[in-house]
């Protein structure tokens, strides 16, 4: 995977916290710490976006669509 080098400005207190975790061997270096933080935040945003989109669904319509698909297949399913 290709990587790009960027420059960021970060609060001194936040940088001290990152450095503390590096000294504690939680992260190997600042770059990896920031990469992991950004990746986690993007993942959370994506999950919350999916949840927001799901709230737009009409449960009754979705249920009717599911039942419509099953009713067409009911005739070919063996009875137990």
N, C-alpha and C. Protein backbone atom coordinates (compact mmCIF):
# COMPACT_ATOMS: atom_id res chain seq x y z
N UNK A 1 0.84 -1.17 0.00
CA UNK A 1 0.00 0.00 0.00
C UNK A 1 0.88 1.23 0.00
N UNK A 2 0.55 2.17 -0.84
CA UNK A 2 1.32 3.41 -0.93
C UNK A 2 1.02 4.29 0.28
N UNK A 3 2.00 5.04 0.69
CA UNK A 3 1.84 5.95 1.82
C UNK A 3 2.33 7.32 1.41
N UNK A 4 1.74 8.33 2.01
CA UNK A 4 2.13 9.70 1.72
C UNK A 4 2.60 10.37 3.00
N UNK A 5 3.59 11.19 2.87
CA UNK A 5 4.10 11.93 4.02
C UNK A 5 3.35 13.25 4.09
N UNK A 6 2.89 13.60 5.30
CA UNK A 6 2.19 14.87 5.51
C UNK A 6 2.76 15.56 6.74
N UNK A 7 2.46 16.82 6.89
CA UNK A 7 2.83 17.56 8.09
C UNK A 7 1.56 17.96 8.81
N UNK A 8 1.57 17.83 10.12
CA UNK A 8 0.40 18.22 10.91
C UNK A 8 0.84 19.10 12.06
N UNK A 9 -0.11 19.85 12.57
CA UNK A 9 0.11 20.64 13.78
C UNK A 9 -0.72 19.99 14.87
N UNK A 10 -0.10 19.74 16.01
CA UNK A 10 -0.78 19.03 17.08
C UNK A 10 -0.52 19.74 18.41
N UNK A 11 -1.50 19.75 19.25
CA UNK A 11 -1.42 20.37 20.57
C UNK A 11 -0.30 19.74 21.39
N UNK A 12 0.42 20.56 22.14
CA UNK A 12 1.55 20.06 22.94
C UNK A 12 1.13 18.98 23.94
N UNK A 13 0.00 19.18 24.59
CA UNK A 13 -0.46 18.18 25.56
C UNK A 13 -0.79 16.85 24.89
N UNK A 14 -1.39 16.93 23.72
CA UNK A 14 -1.70 15.71 22.99
C UNK A 14 -0.42 15.00 22.57
N UNK A 15 0.56 15.76 22.15
CA UNK A 15 1.84 15.18 21.75
C UNK A 15 2.53 14.51 22.94
N UNK A 16 2.42 15.11 24.12
CA UNK A 16 3.00 14.49 25.33
C UNK A 16 2.32 13.17 25.63
N UNK A 17 1.00 13.12 25.43
CA UNK A 17 0.28 11.86 25.64
C UNK A 17 0.73 10.80 24.64
N UNK A 18 0.87 11.19 23.39
CA UNK A 18 1.34 10.25 22.37
C UNK A 18 2.73 9.74 22.73
N UNK A 19 3.61 10.65 23.11
CA UNK A 19 4.98 10.26 23.48
C UNK A 19 4.99 9.33 24.69
N UNK A 20 4.07 9.55 25.62
CA UNK A 20 3.96 8.67 26.79
C UNK A 20 3.64 7.24 26.33
N UNK A 21 2.69 7.12 25.41
CA UNK A 21 2.31 5.79 24.91
C UNK A 21 3.43 5.15 24.10
N UNK A 22 4.23 5.95 23.44
CA UNK A 22 5.38 5.42 22.71
C UNK A 22 6.41 4.88 23.70
N UNK A 23 6.69 5.65 24.75
CA UNK A 23 7.64 5.19 25.78
C UNK A 23 7.13 3.95 26.50
N UNK A 24 5.81 3.81 26.58
CA UNK A 24 5.20 2.63 27.21
C UNK A 24 5.10 1.45 26.25
N UNK A 25 5.66 1.62 25.06
CA UNK A 25 5.65 0.58 24.02
C UNK A 25 4.26 0.22 23.53
N UNK A 26 3.32 1.15 23.66
CA UNK A 26 1.99 0.93 23.11
C UNK A 26 2.01 1.18 21.61
N UNK A 27 2.78 2.17 21.18
CA UNK A 27 2.99 2.47 19.77
C UNK A 27 4.49 2.46 19.50
N UNK A 28 4.91 2.07 18.29
CA UNK A 28 6.34 2.08 17.99
C UNK A 28 6.89 3.49 17.74
N UNK A 29 6.03 4.39 17.24
CA UNK A 29 6.49 5.75 16.94
C UNK A 29 5.29 6.67 16.77
N UNK A 30 5.56 7.96 16.63
CA UNK A 30 4.48 8.94 16.49
C UNK A 30 3.65 8.70 15.24
N UNK A 31 4.33 8.39 14.16
CA UNK A 31 3.63 8.19 12.89
C UNK A 31 2.60 7.06 13.01
N UNK A 32 3.01 5.95 13.58
CA UNK A 32 2.10 4.81 13.72
C UNK A 32 0.96 5.15 14.67
N UNK A 33 1.24 5.90 15.73
CA UNK A 33 0.20 6.30 16.68
C UNK A 33 -0.87 7.13 15.99
N UNK A 34 -0.44 8.08 15.19
CA UNK A 34 -1.38 8.95 14.50
C UNK A 34 -2.13 8.19 13.41
N UNK A 35 -1.43 7.31 12.69
CA UNK A 35 -2.09 6.49 11.67
C UNK A 35 -3.21 5.65 12.29
N UNK A 36 -2.91 5.03 13.42
CA UNK A 36 -3.90 4.18 14.07
C UNK A 36 -5.09 5.00 14.59
N UNK A 37 -4.81 6.19 15.11
CA UNK A 37 -5.88 7.05 15.61
C UNK A 37 -6.79 7.50 14.47
N UNK A 38 -6.20 7.87 13.36
CA UNK A 38 -7.00 8.32 12.21
C UNK A 38 -7.81 7.14 11.65
N UNK A 39 -7.19 5.97 11.55
CA UNK A 39 -7.90 4.79 11.04
C UNK A 39 -9.09 4.44 11.93
N UNK A 40 -8.90 4.49 13.25
CA UNK A 40 -9.98 4.19 14.17
C UNK A 40 -11.11 5.21 14.05
N UNK A 41 -10.77 6.48 13.94
CA UNK A 41 -11.78 7.52 13.80
C UNK A 41 -12.57 7.35 12.50
N UNK A 42 -11.87 7.07 11.41
CA UNK A 42 -12.55 6.85 10.13
C UNK A 42 -13.49 5.65 10.20
N UNK A 43 -13.06 4.60 10.87
CA UNK A 43 -13.89 3.41 11.03
C UNK A 43 -15.15 3.74 11.82
N UNK A 44 -15.00 4.49 12.90
CA UNK A 44 -16.16 4.88 13.71
C UNK A 44 -17.12 5.76 12.91
N UNK A 45 -16.58 6.68 12.14
CA UNK A 45 -17.43 7.54 11.32
C UNK A 45 -18.20 6.72 10.30
N UNK A 46 -17.54 5.75 9.71
CA UNK A 46 -18.20 4.90 8.71
C UNK A 46 -19.32 4.10 9.35
N UNK A 47 -19.08 3.57 10.55
CA UNK A 47 -20.11 2.80 11.25
C UNK A 47 -21.29 3.69 11.63
N UNK A 48 -21.00 4.90 12.08
CA UNK A 48 -22.10 5.78 12.47
C UNK A 48 -22.87 6.24 11.23
N UNK A 49 -22.18 6.39 10.10
CA UNK A 49 -22.87 6.76 8.86
C UNK A 49 -23.80 5.64 8.44
N UNK A 50 -23.35 4.40 8.56
CA UNK A 50 -24.20 3.26 8.23
C UNK A 50 -25.42 3.22 9.14
N UNK A 51 -25.21 3.47 10.42
CA UNK A 51 -26.33 3.48 11.37
C UNK A 51 -27.31 4.59 11.03
N UNK A 52 -26.82 5.75 10.64
CA UNK A 52 -27.70 6.85 10.25
C UNK A 52 -28.51 6.49 9.01
N UNK A 53 -27.87 5.85 8.05
CA UNK A 53 -28.58 5.44 6.84
C UNK A 53 -29.64 4.39 7.16
N UNK A 54 -29.35 3.50 8.09
CA UNK A 54 -30.32 2.46 8.46
C UNK A 54 -31.56 3.06 9.11
N UNK A 55 -31.40 4.18 9.83
CA UNK A 55 -32.57 4.80 10.46
C UNK A 55 -33.53 5.36 9.41
N UNK A 56 -33.06 5.55 8.20
CA UNK A 56 -33.91 6.07 7.13
C UNK A 56 -34.80 4.99 6.51
N UNK A 57 -34.49 3.73 6.82
CA UNK A 57 -35.27 2.63 6.26
C UNK A 57 -36.65 2.55 6.91
N UNK A 58 -37.63 2.15 6.13
CA UNK A 58 -38.99 1.95 6.63
C UNK A 58 -39.11 0.48 7.03
N UNK A 59 -39.22 0.19 8.33
CA UNK A 59 -39.25 -1.21 8.77
C UNK A 59 -40.38 -2.02 8.14
N UNK A 60 -41.55 -1.42 7.97
CA UNK A 60 -42.67 -2.15 7.38
C UNK A 60 -42.40 -2.51 5.92
N UNK A 61 -41.82 -1.58 5.19
CA UNK A 61 -41.48 -1.84 3.79
C UNK A 61 -40.41 -2.92 3.69
N UNK A 62 -39.39 -2.83 4.53
CA UNK A 62 -38.32 -3.83 4.51
C UNK A 62 -38.86 -5.21 4.86
N UNK A 63 -39.79 -5.27 5.83
CA UNK A 63 -40.38 -6.55 6.21
C UNK A 63 -41.19 -7.13 5.05
N UNK A 64 -41.96 -6.27 4.37
CA UNK A 64 -42.76 -6.76 3.24
C UNK A 64 -41.87 -7.25 2.11
N UNK A 65 -40.75 -6.58 1.89
CA UNK A 65 -39.81 -7.03 0.86
C UNK A 65 -39.22 -8.40 1.23
N UNK A 66 -38.88 -8.58 2.49
CA UNK A 66 -38.33 -9.86 2.93
C UNK A 66 -39.35 -10.98 2.79
N UNK A 67 -40.58 -10.70 3.18
CA UNK A 67 -41.62 -11.71 3.09
C UNK A 67 -41.97 -12.03 1.65
N UNK A 68 -41.91 -11.04 0.78
CA UNK A 68 -42.18 -11.26 -0.63
C UNK A 68 -41.17 -12.24 -1.22
N UNK A 69 -39.92 -12.09 -0.85
CA UNK A 69 -38.89 -13.00 -1.34
C UNK A 69 -39.09 -14.41 -0.83
N UNK A 70 -39.49 -14.54 0.44
CA UNK A 70 -39.71 -15.87 1.01
C UNK A 70 -40.95 -16.54 0.44
N UNK A 71 -42.02 -15.79 0.22
CA UNK A 71 -43.25 -16.41 -0.26
C UNK A 71 -43.06 -17.04 -1.63
N UNK A 72 -42.21 -16.47 -2.46
CA UNK A 72 -41.96 -17.04 -3.79
C UNK A 72 -41.20 -18.35 -3.67
N UNK A 73 -40.40 -18.48 -2.62
CA UNK A 73 -39.59 -19.69 -2.46
C UNK A 73 -40.28 -20.76 -1.62
N UNK A 74 -41.33 -20.42 -0.91
CA UNK A 74 -41.97 -21.36 -0.01
C UNK A 74 -42.46 -22.62 -0.73
N UNK A 75 -42.88 -22.47 -1.98
CA UNK A 75 -43.42 -23.60 -2.72
C UNK A 75 -42.34 -24.63 -3.04
N UNK A 76 -41.09 -24.21 -3.16
CA UNK A 76 -40.03 -25.15 -3.54
C UNK A 76 -39.26 -25.68 -2.32
N UNK A 77 -39.52 -25.16 -1.13
CA UNK A 77 -38.84 -25.65 0.06
C UNK A 77 -39.51 -26.93 0.56
N UNK A 78 -38.71 -27.92 0.96
CA UNK A 78 -39.33 -29.14 1.49
C UNK A 78 -39.95 -28.87 2.86
N UNK A 79 -41.02 -29.59 3.15
CA UNK A 79 -41.68 -29.43 4.45
C UNK A 79 -41.00 -30.33 5.45
N UNK A 80 -40.82 -29.84 6.67
CA UNK A 80 -40.15 -30.63 7.72
C UNK A 80 -41.14 -31.09 8.74
